[in-house]
Amino acid sequence: MLILCQPHQFKLAVNGSHLLDYRHRVQDLSTVNQLEIMGDLELMDVKLW
């Protein structure tokens, strides 16, 4: 899963394929410091850049 943070939306891709765009109202993306996932997930790696 890849989450691309853009000024007005998050773009989500799973297994290399675009899944959805989520429009947000976050003014300053640097204030985002948590991600909540509901359901089963096998987390293998986390990268921030």
PDB file of N, CA and C in Angstrom:
ATOM      1  N   MET A   1       0.853  -1.164   0.000  1.00  0.00           N
ATOM      2  CA  MET A   1       0.000   0.000   0.000  1.00  0.00           C
ATOM      3  C   MET A   1       0.901   1.229   0.000  1.00  0.00           C
ATOM      4  N   LEU A   2       0.580   2.172  -0.830  1.00  0.00           N
ATOM      5  CA  LEU A   2       1.313   3.429  -0.921  1.00  0.00           C
ATOM      6  C   LEU A   2       0.313   4.560  -0.768  1.00  0.00           C
ATOM      7  N   ILE A   3       0.632   5.502   0.125  1.00  0.00           N
ATOM      8  CA  ILE A   3      -0.225   6.669   0.325  1.00  0.00           C
ATOM      9  C   ILE A   3       0.571   7.900  -0.089  1.00  0.00           C
ATOM     10  N   LEU A   4       0.082   8.589  -1.100  1.00  0.00           N
ATOM     11  CA  LEU A   4       0.700   9.827  -1.575  1.00  0.00           C
ATOM     12  C   LEU A   4      -0.080  10.991  -0.984  1.00  0.00           C
ATOM     13  N   CYS A   5       0.603  11.832  -0.222  1.00  0.00           N
ATOM     14  CA  CYS A   5      -0.044  12.983   0.425  1.00  0.00           C
ATOM     15  C   CYS A   5       0.152  14.211  -0.456  1.00  0.00           C
ATOM     16  N   GLN A   6      -0.946  14.768  -0.915  1.00  0.00           N
ATOM     17  CA  GLN A   6      -0.925  15.970  -1.733  1.00  0.00           C
ATOM     18  C   GLN A   6      -1.680  17.070  -0.997  1.00  0.00           C
ATOM     19  N   PRO A   7      -1.511  18.332  -1.395  1.00  0.00           N
ATOM     20  CA  PRO A   7      -2.114  19.439  -0.645  1.00  0.00           C
ATOM     21  C   PRO A   7      -3.617  19.319  -0.391  1.00  0.00           C
ATOM     22  N   HIS A   8      -4.366  18.702  -1.301  1.00  0.00           N
ATOM     23  CA  HIS A   8      -5.821  18.631  -1.122  1.00  0.00           C
ATOM     24  C   HIS A   8      -6.377  17.217  -1.133  1.00  0.00           C
ATOM     25  N   GLN A   9      -5.498  16.205  -1.268  1.00  0.00           N
ATOM     26  CA  GLN A   9      -6.002  14.836  -1.307  1.00  0.00           C
ATOM     27  C   GLN A   9      -4.903  13.845  -0.948  1.00  0.00           C
ATOM     28  N   PHE A  10      -5.338  12.663  -0.531  1.00  0.00           N
ATOM     29  CA  PHE A  10      -4.465  11.510  -0.385  1.00  0.00           C
ATOM     30  C   PHE A  10      -4.791  10.583  -1.546  1.00  0.00           C
ATOM     31  N   LYS A  11      -3.768  10.015  -2.169  1.00  0.00           N
ATOM     32  CA  LYS A  11      -3.972   9.019  -3.221  1.00  0.00           C
ATOM     33  C   LYS A  11      -3.468   7.691  -2.676  1.00  0.00           C
ATOM     34  N   LEU A  12      -4.253   6.654  -2.848  1.00  0.00           N
ATOM     35  CA  LEU A  12      -3.931   5.347  -2.296  1.00  0.00           C
ATOM     36  C   LEU A  12      -3.756   4.338  -3.420  1.00  0.00           C
ATOM     37  N   ALA A  13      -2.640   3.614  -3.384  1.00  0.00           N
ATOM     38  CA  ALA A  13      -2.389   2.531  -4.337  1.00  0.00           C
ATOM     39  C   ALA A  13      -2.120   1.256  -3.545  1.00  0.00           C
ATOM     40  N   VAL A  14      -2.608   0.141  -4.058  1.00  0.00           N
ATOM     41  CA  VAL A  14      -2.399  -1.166  -3.436  1.00  0.00           C
ATOM     42  C   VAL A  14      -1.838  -2.102  -4.497  1.00  0.00           C
ATOM     43  N   ASN A  15      -0.735  -2.765  -4.152  1.00  0.00           N
ATOM     44  CA  ASN A  15      -0.069  -3.679  -5.090  1.00  0.00           C
ATOM     45  C   ASN A  15       0.233  -3.000  -6.425  1.00  0.00           C
ATOM     46  N   GLY A  16       0.624  -1.728  -6.363  1.00  0.00           N
ATOM     47  CA  GLY A  16       1.018  -0.997  -7.556  1.00  0.00           C
ATOM     48  C   GLY A  16      -0.116  -0.439  -8.398  1.00  0.00           C
ATOM     49  N   SER A  17      -1.366  -0.631  -7.959  1.00  0.00           N
ATOM     50  CA  SER A  17      -2.516  -0.134  -8.725  1.00  0.00           C
ATOM     51  C   SER A  17      -3.262   0.928  -7.936  1.00  0.00           C
ATOM     52  N   HIS A  18      -3.590   2.038  -8.612  1.00  0.00           N
ATOM     53  CA  HIS A  18      -4.340   3.115  -7.968  1.00  0.00           C
ATOM     54  C   HIS A  18      -5.685   2.583  -7.494  1.00  0.00           C
ATOM     55  N   LEU A  19      -6.042   2.886  -6.238  1.00  0.00           N
ATOM     56  CA  LEU A  19      -7.304   2.408  -5.677  1.00  0.00           C
ATOM     57  C   LEU A  19      -8.295   3.545  -5.476  1.00  0.00           C
ATOM     58  N   LEU A  20      -7.824   4.667  -4.872  1.00  0.00           N
ATOM     59  CA  LEU A  20      -8.764   5.752  -4.603  1.00  0.00           C
ATOM     60  C   LEU A  20      -8.044   7.058  -4.346  1.00  0.00           C
ATOM     61  N   ASP A  21      -8.806   8.142  -4.469  1.00  0.00           N
ATOM     62  CA  ASP A  21      -8.386   9.482  -4.061  1.00  0.00           C
ATOM     63  C   ASP A  21      -9.297   9.888  -2.914  1.00  0.00           C
ATOM     64  N   TYR A  22      -8.714  10.452  -1.850  1.00  0.00           N
ATOM     65  CA  TYR A  22      -9.511  10.909  -0.710  1.00  0.00           C
ATOM     66  C   TYR A  22      -9.217  12.384  -0.491  1.00  0.00           C
ATOM     67  N   ARG A  23     -10.187  13.231  -0.778  1.00  0.00           N
ATOM     68  CA  ARG A  23     -10.015  14.671  -0.573  1.00  0.00           C
ATOM     69  C   ARG A  23     -10.073  14.971   0.921  1.00  0.00           C
ATOM     70  N   HIS A  24      -9.118  15.747   1.406  1.00  0.00           N
ATOM     71  CA  HIS A  24      -9.053  16.085   2.829  1.00  0.00           C
ATOM     72  C   HIS A  24      -9.082  17.596   3.013  1.00  0.00           C
ATOM     73  N   ARG A  25      -9.175  17.997   4.274  1.00  0.00           N
ATOM     74  CA  ARG A  25      -9.185  19.427   4.606  1.00  0.00           C
ATOM     75  C   ARG A  25      -8.007  19.800   5.510  1.00  0.00           C
ATOM     76  N   VAL A  26      -6.991  18.961   5.562  1.00  0.00           N
ATOM     77  CA  VAL A  26      -5.829  19.218   6.413  1.00  0.00           C
ATOM     78  C   VAL A  26      -5.062  20.410   5.843  1.00  0.00           C
ATOM     79  N   GLN A  27      -4.860  21.438   6.653  1.00  0.00           N
ATOM     80  CA  GLN A  27      -4.161  22.639   6.197  1.00  0.00           C
ATOM     81  C   GLN A  27      -2.650  22.424   6.124  1.00  0.00           C
ATOM     82  N   ASP A  28      -2.091  21.752   7.131  1.00  0.00           N
ATOM     83  CA  ASP A  28      -0.646  21.553   7.221  1.00  0.00           C
ATOM     84  C   ASP A  28      -0.370  20.055   7.336  1.00  0.00           C
ATOM     85  N   LEU A  29       0.055  19.428   6.246  1.00  0.00           N
ATOM     86  CA  LEU A  29       0.269  17.978   6.249  1.00  0.00           C
ATOM     87  C   LEU A  29       1.354  17.543   7.228  1.00  0.00           C
ATOM     88  N   SER A  30       2.244  18.442   7.627  1.00  0.00           N
ATOM     89  CA  SER A  30       3.290  18.065   8.584  1.00  0.00           C
ATOM     90  C   SER A  30       2.719  17.792   9.972  1.00  0.00           C
ATOM     91  N   THR A  31       1.450  18.158  10.205  1.00  0.00           N
ATOM     92  CA  THR A  31       0.824  17.874  11.501  1.00  0.00           C
ATOM     93  C   THR A  31       0.237  16.462  11.560  1.00  0.00           C
ATOM     94  N   VAL A  32       0.176  15.773  10.427  1.00  0.00           N
ATOM     95  CA  VAL A  32      -0.340  14.397  10.410  1.00  0.00           C
ATOM     96  C   VAL A  32       0.741  13.487  10.974  1.00  0.00           C
ATOM     97  N   ASN A  33       0.416  12.786  12.086  1.00  0.00           N
ATOM     98  CA  ASN A  33       1.422  11.931  12.714  1.00  0.00           C
ATOM     99  C   ASN A  33       0.881  10.553  13.093  1.00  0.00           C
ATOM    100  N   GLN A  34      -0.318  10.218  12.641  1.00  0.00           N
ATOM    101  CA  GLN A  34      -0.897   8.915  12.950  1.00  0.00           C
ATOM    102  C   GLN A  34      -1.655   8.388  11.742  1.00  0.00           C
ATOM    103  N   LEU A  35      -1.715   7.067  11.654  1.00  0.00           N
ATOM    104  CA  LEU A  35      -2.503   6.388  10.631  1.00  0.00           C
ATOM    105  C   LEU A  35      -3.234   5.255  11.326  1.00  0.00           C
ATOM    106  N   GLU A  36      -4.545   5.226  11.214  1.00  0.00           N
ATOM    107  CA  GLU A  36      -5.337   4.163  11.823  1.00  0.00           C
ATOM    108  C   GLU A  36      -5.833   3.231  10.731  1.00  0.00           C
ATOM    109  N   ILE A  37      -5.596   1.937  10.932  1.00  0.00           N
ATOM    110  CA  ILE A  37      -6.052   0.922   9.988  1.00  0.00           C
ATOM    111  C   ILE A  37      -6.956  -0.035  10.740  1.00  0.00           C
ATOM    112  N   MET A  38      -8.150  -0.230  10.223  1.00  0.00           N
ATOM    113  CA  MET A  38      -9.109  -1.143  10.848  1.00  0.00           C
ATOM    114  C   MET A  38      -9.176  -2.410  10.001  1.00  0.00           C
ATOM    115  N   GLY A  39      -9.058  -3.549  10.629  1.00  0.00           N
ATOM    116  CA  GLY A  39      -9.078  -4.820   9.908  1.00  0.00           C
ATOM    117  C   GLY A  39      -7.695  -5.452   9.909  1.00  0.00           C
ATOM    118  N   ASP A  40      -7.559  -6.533   9.184  1.00  0.00           N
ATOM    119  CA  ASP A  40      -6.303  -7.282   9.138  1.00  0.00           C
ATOM    120  C   ASP A  40      -5.280  -6.577   8.259  1.00  0.00           C
ATOM    121  N   LEU A  41      -4.026  -6.601   8.721  1.00  0.00           N
ATOM    122  CA  LEU A  41      -2.939  -5.986   7.962  1.00  0.00           C
ATOM    123  C   LEU A  41      -1.643  -6.677   8.329  1.00  0.00           C
ATOM    124  N   GLU A  42      -0.851  -7.016   7.346  1.00  0.00           N
ATOM    125  CA  GLU A  42       0.501  -7.502   7.579  1.00  0.00           C
ATOM    126  C   GLU A  42       1.445  -6.387   7.146  1.00  0.00           C
ATOM    127  N   LEU A  43       2.037  -5.700   8.116  1.00  0.00           N
ATOM    128  CA  LEU A  43       2.906  -4.553   7.853  1.00  0.00           C
ATOM    129  C   LEU A  43       4.333  -5.052   7.692  1.00  0.00           C
ATOM    130  N   MET A  44       4.934  -4.758   6.546  1.00  0.00           N
ATOM    131  CA  MET A  44       6.274  -5.249   6.257  1.00  0.00           C
ATOM    132  C   MET A  44       7.318  -4.138   6.270  1.00  0.00           C
ATOM    133  N   ASP A  45       6.914  -2.897   6.003  1.00  0.00           N
ATOM    134  CA  ASP A  45       7.874  -1.802   5.931  1.00  0.00           C
ATOM    135  C   ASP A  45       7.127  -0.477   5.990  1.00  0.00           C
ATOM    136  N   VAL A  46       7.761   0.526   6.589  1.00  0.00           N
ATOM    137  CA  VAL A  46       7.208   1.881   6.620  1.00  0.00           C
ATOM    138  C   VAL A  46       8.318   2.829   6.188  1.00  0.00           C
ATOM    139  N   LYS A  47       8.015   3.693   5.231  1.00  0.00           N
ATOM    140  CA  LYS A  47       8.988   4.689   4.779  1.00  0.00           C
ATOM    141  C   LYS A  47       8.314   6.043   4.755  1.00  0.00           C
ATOM    142  N   LEU A  48       8.990   7.033   5.272  1.00  0.00           N
ATOM    143  CA  LEU A  48       8.523   8.420   5.216  1.00  0.00           C
ATOM    144  C   LEU A  48       9.562   9.221   4.453  1.00  0.00           C
ATOM    145  N   TRP A  49       9.129   9.971   3.466  1.00  0.00           N
ATOM    146  CA  TRP A  49      10.049  10.850   2.751  1.00  0.00           C
ATOM    147  C   TRP A  49       9.322  11.988   2.156  1.00  0.00           C
TER     148      TRP A  49
END
